[in-house]
Amino acid sequence: MTVSYGSALAALTGPSATTQWQDEQLDVPPRDMRSIPALKAWLADSRCPAARDPSTWSAIKENWISFSAATCVRPTAVLAPNRKRVRWASGADRESDGEASMRFRYDRRERLCIQGAIWRLCDSQEALLERWPEKIRLGMNRVVEPGCENPVASLMDNFGKQRRFNSIWTAMICFLVYCNAEEGALQVMGLHLSEDLEEDLDEIVIALLHDGYPVPGRDGLSDATEQEVSRFINNILTDKDATPETNPLLWWTIILVRSSLDMGPDNFISSGRFQSNILPMDLDIQQRIEGIVHFAKVFLLDFAICTWEPAAASQQLEVRSELNVVDNTWIGEYGGERPNRGPDNRACTSPAWKSISAHLNRTLKQYMGPSSRTPMGQIVSLRNALLAQASAYR
């Protein structure tokens, strides 16, 4: 008996569907009603198919269902038909049940392993953030939000929030890798990647094979995958010619914003329940934007370290030595409770610290400054507009 599309979808999205998030609250609205004007204005300014074209939006929602259905614990070919460029077919036009099962095992393994690699990458870079002087971290926040009084801090002491913020990035990259393997899927959703970015996605898949598909929780076994994921993230963050139709991060943010405004029954990006959903439904659009902004700072801090050219090798040694003095032993596999270290009195007045601080601030201003038209500049502008709108109602 052939199962209809509607019946298959109902089976994966009904009340009995278990999501990836055990403590997920499904009654959180996808957006605050007061944020709607700012969201609509930002979306209108995007002027791209993903933001305004009905057929493109339908393709995005359909492909999201396909991705979610292919990578859940009970996959079904009714929702996720085989559109792979490379097929494991026996020669017949119709995919056999065995071939479909093999495809789904591969898709789910790929998603889980990429997810684990991104977790490890984020954890290692957030652990590094913990070592930086408060003065430097305050400057990082002030580049994005002038007048901010709080330094940027890692989420290593809030594991649930950390993994939820991670999910915004893991969902984007896993969705891109899945759709990049399907014939024309990205293009029909309004995303036209450069050859370099397409190659970056292919390299992530190759790195998974090199690393032996390490699952989440297995530390130290996904070096190549983490490196390729980091390269891809840096490339989309520093994309100088970015448009919503060519930059995955800008395109993905547009999808998140549009889905927060779409109350349709087929929108499982921002509402509803889906078996093994990679995105938690208890983050509204403002929190999702915060997740993007937070980890963009974390990634660009690492990028700035790698691109810093000190006047002398001794300056690099000085900075690294002082960072390594900070005790991070409280950080475990699932974060930990941050100790009360007291005031951070590191003045950062030596030539070495002045040099790295200036380079970091230039990097953040160039790629995250709200006045820039970079991907993160546009996303930060939306974030600040949402904050301003919320403040107006207090």
Foldseek 3Di string as FASTA:
>chain_A
DDDALVRVQCVFFPPPFDAQDPPFDFPAAQDDPLLVVLLLVLLVVQPFCLSDPPQLVVLVLLLVQLLLQLQFPNHDCNSNPDQFPDAPDPPDPDRDPVRSVVSSVVLNLLLQLLLQLLVQLLVVLLLLVQLDFQVLQQLLVCLLPPPDDGGQHGCLAPLVLNLQLSLLVSVLLSSCLVQLRGPCSLVSNLADEDPVLSVLSVQLVVLCVVLVSDGHPDPPRRVSNNVSSLVNVVCLLQPPPDGCRYRSLLVSLSNSSVLSVDPDPSRPPAHGGGRHDSHRNNQHSLSNLVSVVSVSLSSLLVVLLVPQDDPDPVLNVVVVVSSVVDDPPQRDPSRHHDDCPDHRPDPLPDSSSVRSSVSSSVSCNARQRCVDPRSNVSSSVSSVVSVVSVVVVD
